[in-house]
N, C-alpha and C. Protein backbone atom coordinates (compact mmCIF):
# COMPACT_ATOMS: atom_id res chain seq x y z
N MET A 1 0.84 -1.17 0.00
CA MET A 1 0.00 0.00 0.00
C MET A 1 0.89 1.24 0.00
N LYS A 2 0.70 2.11 -0.94
CA LYS A 2 1.51 3.32 -1.05
C LYS A 2 0.79 4.49 -0.40
N ARG A 3 1.60 5.34 0.21
CA ARG A 3 1.05 6.55 0.80
C ARG A 3 1.11 7.68 -0.21
N LYS A 4 0.19 8.54 -0.10
CA LYS A 4 0.19 9.71 -0.97
C LYS A 4 1.18 10.73 -0.43
N ARG A 5 1.84 11.41 -1.34
CA ARG A 5 2.76 12.46 -0.94
C ARG A 5 1.97 13.69 -0.52
N THR A 6 2.45 14.31 0.55
CA THR A 6 1.79 15.54 1.00
C THR A 6 2.52 16.72 0.38
N PRO A 7 1.80 17.71 -0.02
CA PRO A 7 2.45 18.90 -0.58
C PRO A 7 3.33 19.57 0.48
N ASP A 8 4.35 20.33 0.02
CA ASP A 8 5.27 20.99 0.94
C ASP A 8 4.57 22.00 1.84
N SER A 9 3.49 22.55 1.38
CA SER A 9 2.78 23.55 2.19
C SER A 9 2.15 22.91 3.43
N GLU A 10 1.93 21.61 3.40
CA GLU A 10 1.33 20.93 4.54
C GLU A 10 2.38 20.22 5.39
N ALA A 11 3.64 20.53 5.23
CA ALA A 11 4.70 19.89 6.00
C ALA A 11 4.55 20.25 7.47
N PRO A 12 4.79 19.30 8.35
CA PRO A 12 4.64 19.59 9.79
C PRO A 12 5.67 20.62 10.24
N VAL A 13 5.27 21.45 11.19
CA VAL A 13 6.13 22.49 11.72
C VAL A 13 7.08 21.84 12.73
N ARG A 14 8.36 22.13 12.59
CA ARG A 14 9.36 21.55 13.48
C ARG A 14 9.47 22.39 14.75
N GLU A 15 9.32 21.70 15.89
CA GLU A 15 9.42 22.39 17.16
C GLU A 15 10.86 22.41 17.64
N THR A 16 11.28 23.51 18.24
CA THR A 16 12.62 23.61 18.78
C THR A 16 12.58 23.21 20.25
N VAL A 17 13.17 22.07 20.55
CA VAL A 17 13.18 21.57 21.92
C VAL A 17 14.38 22.13 22.67
N VAL A 18 15.54 22.13 22.02
CA VAL A 18 16.77 22.63 22.62
C VAL A 18 17.15 23.91 21.88
N PRO A 19 17.46 24.97 22.60
CA PRO A 19 17.86 26.21 21.93
C PRO A 19 19.08 26.00 21.04
N GLU A 20 19.12 26.71 19.94
CA GLU A 20 20.19 26.56 18.96
C GLU A 20 21.56 26.89 19.54
N ALA A 21 21.62 27.81 20.48
CA ALA A 21 22.89 28.18 21.10
C ALA A 21 23.51 27.01 21.86
N ILE A 22 22.68 26.24 22.54
CA ILE A 22 23.16 25.09 23.30
C ILE A 22 23.63 23.99 22.35
N VAL A 23 22.91 23.80 21.27
CA VAL A 23 23.30 22.79 20.27
C VAL A 23 24.65 23.16 19.66
N GLU A 24 24.84 24.42 19.33
CA GLU A 24 26.11 24.86 18.74
C GLU A 24 27.26 24.72 19.74
N GLN A 25 27.02 25.02 21.00
CA GLN A 25 28.04 24.88 22.03
C GLN A 25 28.44 23.41 22.17
N ALA A 26 27.50 22.51 22.11
CA ALA A 26 27.79 21.08 22.20
C ALA A 26 28.59 20.61 20.99
N ARG A 27 28.26 21.09 19.81
CA ARG A 27 29.03 20.74 18.61
C ARG A 27 30.48 21.18 18.73
N ARG A 28 30.70 22.39 19.23
CA ARG A 28 32.07 22.89 19.39
C ARG A 28 32.85 22.07 20.41
N ALA A 29 32.19 21.67 21.49
CA ALA A 29 32.86 20.87 22.52
C ALA A 29 33.28 19.51 21.97
N ILE A 30 32.42 18.90 21.18
CA ILE A 30 32.74 17.60 20.59
C ILE A 30 33.89 17.74 19.60
N GLN A 31 33.87 18.77 18.80
CA GLN A 31 34.94 18.98 17.83
C GLN A 31 36.28 19.23 18.52
N ALA A 32 36.27 19.91 19.65
CA ALA A 32 37.50 20.16 20.39
C ALA A 32 38.09 18.86 20.91
N GLU A 33 37.24 17.94 21.37
CA GLU A 33 37.72 16.65 21.85
C GLU A 33 38.27 15.81 20.71
N ARG A 34 37.64 15.87 19.56
CA ARG A 34 38.11 15.10 18.42
C ARG A 34 39.44 15.64 17.90
N ALA A 35 39.65 16.93 18.01
CA ALA A 35 40.85 17.55 17.47
C ALA A 35 42.09 17.17 18.28
N LYS A 36 41.92 16.88 19.57
CA LYS A 36 43.05 16.51 20.40
C LYS A 36 43.57 15.14 19.98
N LYS A 37 44.84 15.09 19.63
CA LYS A 37 45.45 13.80 19.31
C LYS A 37 46.01 13.21 20.59
N PRO A 38 45.78 11.93 20.80
CA PRO A 38 46.30 11.32 22.03
C PRO A 38 47.83 11.30 22.02
N ALA A 39 48.40 11.39 23.20
CA ALA A 39 49.85 11.35 23.32
C ALA A 39 50.36 9.97 22.91
N ARG A 40 51.61 9.92 22.52
CA ARG A 40 52.23 8.67 22.09
C ARG A 40 53.07 8.08 23.22
N CYS A 41 53.09 6.77 23.29
CA CYS A 41 53.87 6.04 24.27
C CYS A 41 55.35 6.28 24.00
N VAL A 42 56.12 6.53 25.07
CA VAL A 42 57.54 6.80 24.90
C VAL A 42 58.33 5.54 24.56
N VAL A 43 57.76 4.36 24.78
CA VAL A 43 58.46 3.11 24.52
C VAL A 43 58.14 2.58 23.13
N CYS A 44 56.86 2.37 22.86
CA CYS A 44 56.48 1.70 21.60
C CYS A 44 55.85 2.64 20.57
N GLY A 45 55.45 3.84 20.97
CA GLY A 45 54.84 4.78 20.04
C GLY A 45 53.34 4.59 19.87
N GLY A 46 52.75 3.69 20.63
CA GLY A 46 51.30 3.46 20.58
C GLY A 46 50.55 4.59 21.26
N GLU A 47 49.24 4.48 21.27
CA GLU A 47 48.40 5.49 21.91
C GLU A 47 48.57 5.41 23.42
N CYS A 48 48.85 6.52 24.03
CA CYS A 48 49.10 6.60 25.46
C CYS A 48 47.81 6.34 26.25
N ALA A 49 47.94 5.67 27.38
CA ALA A 49 46.80 5.44 28.25
C ALA A 49 46.31 6.78 28.80
N PRO A 50 44.99 6.96 28.93
CA PRO A 50 44.47 8.27 29.36
C PRO A 50 44.90 8.67 30.77
N ASN A 51 45.14 7.71 31.65
CA ASN A 51 45.50 8.05 33.02
C ASN A 51 46.99 7.82 33.31
N SER A 52 47.80 7.69 32.28
CA SER A 52 49.22 7.42 32.46
C SER A 52 50.00 8.71 32.66
N ALA A 53 50.64 8.83 33.80
CA ALA A 53 51.47 10.00 34.08
C ALA A 53 52.88 9.81 33.51
N GLU A 54 53.26 8.54 33.23
CA GLU A 54 54.61 8.26 32.74
C GLU A 54 54.72 8.40 31.23
N GLY A 55 53.60 8.52 30.53
CA GLY A 55 53.63 8.59 29.07
C GLY A 55 53.73 7.22 28.43
N LEU A 56 53.09 6.22 29.04
CA LEU A 56 53.13 4.86 28.54
C LEU A 56 51.75 4.40 28.08
N CYS A 57 51.72 3.53 27.10
CA CYS A 57 50.46 2.90 26.71
C CYS A 57 50.12 1.86 27.77
N TRP A 58 48.93 1.29 27.70
CA TRP A 58 48.53 0.37 28.76
C TRP A 58 49.36 -0.91 28.74
N VAL A 59 49.83 -1.35 27.58
CA VAL A 59 50.64 -2.56 27.49
C VAL A 59 52.00 -2.34 28.14
N CYS A 60 52.68 -1.26 27.76
CA CYS A 60 53.99 -0.96 28.33
C CYS A 60 53.89 -0.71 29.84
N ARG A 61 52.80 -0.11 30.26
CA ARG A 61 52.59 0.16 31.68
C ARG A 61 52.46 -1.14 32.46
N ARG A 62 51.70 -2.10 31.91
CA ARG A 62 51.55 -3.40 32.56
C ARG A 62 52.88 -4.15 32.60
N LEU A 63 53.65 -4.06 31.50
CA LEU A 63 54.96 -4.72 31.48
C LEU A 63 55.89 -4.12 32.52
N LYS A 64 55.84 -2.82 32.69
CA LYS A 64 56.67 -2.15 33.69
C LYS A 64 56.30 -2.62 35.10
N LEU A 65 55.00 -2.68 35.39
CA LEU A 65 54.56 -3.13 36.71
C LEU A 65 54.96 -4.58 36.95
N SER A 66 54.84 -5.42 35.93
CA SER A 66 55.23 -6.81 36.08
C SER A 66 56.73 -6.94 36.33
N ALA A 67 57.52 -6.14 35.63
CA ALA A 67 58.97 -6.18 35.83
C ALA A 67 59.33 -5.74 37.24
N TRP A 68 58.63 -4.73 37.77
CA TRP A 68 58.88 -4.30 39.14
C TRP A 68 58.57 -5.43 40.12
N ARG A 69 57.43 -6.11 39.92
CA ARG A 69 57.06 -7.21 40.80
C ARG A 69 58.09 -8.32 40.75
N ASP A 70 58.57 -8.64 39.55
CA ASP A 70 59.56 -9.70 39.40
C ASP A 70 60.87 -9.33 40.09
N SER A 71 61.30 -8.09 39.95
CA SER A 71 62.55 -7.67 40.59
C SER A 71 62.41 -7.65 42.11
N ASP A 72 61.24 -7.28 42.63
CA ASP A 72 61.03 -7.30 44.07
C ASP A 72 61.06 -8.72 44.62
N SER A 73 60.49 -9.66 43.89
CA SER A 73 60.48 -11.04 44.35
C SER A 73 61.87 -11.65 44.30
N GLN A 74 62.71 -11.25 43.33
CA GLN A 74 64.08 -11.77 43.24
C GLN A 74 64.94 -11.24 44.38
N ILE A 75 64.73 -9.97 44.74
CA ILE A 75 65.50 -9.39 45.84
C ILE A 75 65.18 -10.09 47.15
N SER A 76 63.91 -10.37 47.41
CA SER A 76 63.52 -11.03 48.65
C SER A 76 63.98 -12.49 48.67
N ALA A 77 64.09 -13.13 47.54
CA ALA A 77 64.57 -14.51 47.47
C ALA A 77 66.07 -14.58 47.73
N GLN A 78 66.82 -13.54 47.37
CA GLN A 78 68.26 -13.53 47.57
C GLN A 78 68.62 -13.31 49.04
N GLU A 79 67.76 -12.64 49.77
CA GLU A 79 68.04 -12.35 51.19
C GLU A 79 67.79 -13.54 51.98
């Protein structure tokens, strides 16, 4: 069953729910976030973890923590 086309003069009126100023402000905020390039890992050059203060990606950060744990266990075994 096909619907009949309605003439343009009978087009429904679009209601503005959110003011245009707020919509434009949201667009600018999203574009600013997209424009920021993530920092690069100092070891492998991958994308840096968002909460990394050392400048490491999550993989290099986990490897660093594992290496610290291994070195701590070796020191205690030698004593």
